[in-house]
Amino acid sequence: MNVETSRHSGHIDIIRELIDGSTGLYRDNTNIPAYEPAAWAALQEKIRNASHSR
């Protein structure tokens, strides 16, 4: 039951983000690191490379 609940909670969070336009945990505290765009791009590249290496 916990897995099922957490799976649907993720969907609800995506819908909320689409509706109110904000991301993260709360509007005042997103709980998302404040990376610069270049740092986000580097992180995405690292994840992409890791996913293709298997």
Protein backbone atom coordinates (compact mmCIF):
# COMPACT_ATOMS: atom_id res chain seq x y z
CA MET A 1 0.00 0.00 0.00
CA ASN A 2 2.85 2.41 0.77
CA VAL A 3 4.39 1.93 -2.67
CA GLU A 4 1.05 2.48 -4.37
CA THR A 5 0.42 5.63 -2.34
CA SER A 6 3.85 7.08 -3.08
CA ARG A 7 3.48 6.29 -6.78
CA HIS A 8 0.24 8.25 -7.00
CA SER A 9 1.57 11.06 -4.82
CA GLY A 10 4.20 11.70 -7.46
CA HIS A 11 1.51 12.02 -10.11
CA ILE A 12 -0.44 14.44 -7.93
CA ASP A 13 2.68 16.56 -7.43
CA ILE A 14 3.24 16.78 -11.19
CA ILE A 15 -0.36 17.90 -11.71
CA ARG A 16 -0.02 20.50 -8.95
CA GLU A 17 3.15 21.84 -10.58
CA LEU A 18 1.33 22.14 -13.90
CA ILE A 19 -1.58 23.97 -12.27
CA ASP A 20 0.22 26.49 -10.07
CA GLY A 21 3.44 26.75 -12.08
CA SER A 22 5.71 26.23 -9.08
CA THR A 23 8.08 23.35 -8.49
CA GLY A 24 9.40 21.70 -5.39
CA LEU A 25 8.06 21.06 -1.94
CA TYR A 26 6.49 24.42 -1.08
CA ARG A 27 6.20 27.75 -2.86
CA ASP A 28 8.50 29.42 -0.29
CA ASN A 29 10.78 26.40 0.18
CA THR A 30 11.19 24.43 -3.03
CA ASN A 31 13.70 21.99 -1.54
CA ILE A 32 15.48 22.14 -4.91
CA PRO A 33 19.17 23.12 -5.04
CA ALA A 34 19.84 26.59 -6.45
CA TYR A 35 22.21 25.51 -9.22
CA GLU A 36 23.17 27.78 -12.07
CA PRO A 37 21.99 26.64 -15.54
CA ALA A 38 25.48 25.34 -16.39
CA ALA A 39 25.51 23.18 -13.25
CA TRP A 40 22.08 21.73 -14.12
CA ALA A 41 23.31 20.97 -17.65
CA ALA A 42 26.40 19.22 -16.24
CA LEU A 43 24.24 17.16 -13.88
CA GLN A 44 21.89 16.17 -16.71
CA GLU A 45 24.87 15.15 -18.85
CA LYS A 46 26.28 13.06 -16.00
CA ILE A 47 22.96 11.27 -15.54
CA ARG A 48 22.56 10.78 -19.29
CA ASN A 49 26.05 9.29 -19.58
CA ALA A 50 25.42 6.98 -16.63
CA SER A 51 22.17 5.74 -18.17
CA HIS A 52 23.88 4.93 -21.48
CA SER A 53 26.84 3.16 -19.90
CA ARG A 54 24.86 0.09 -18.83
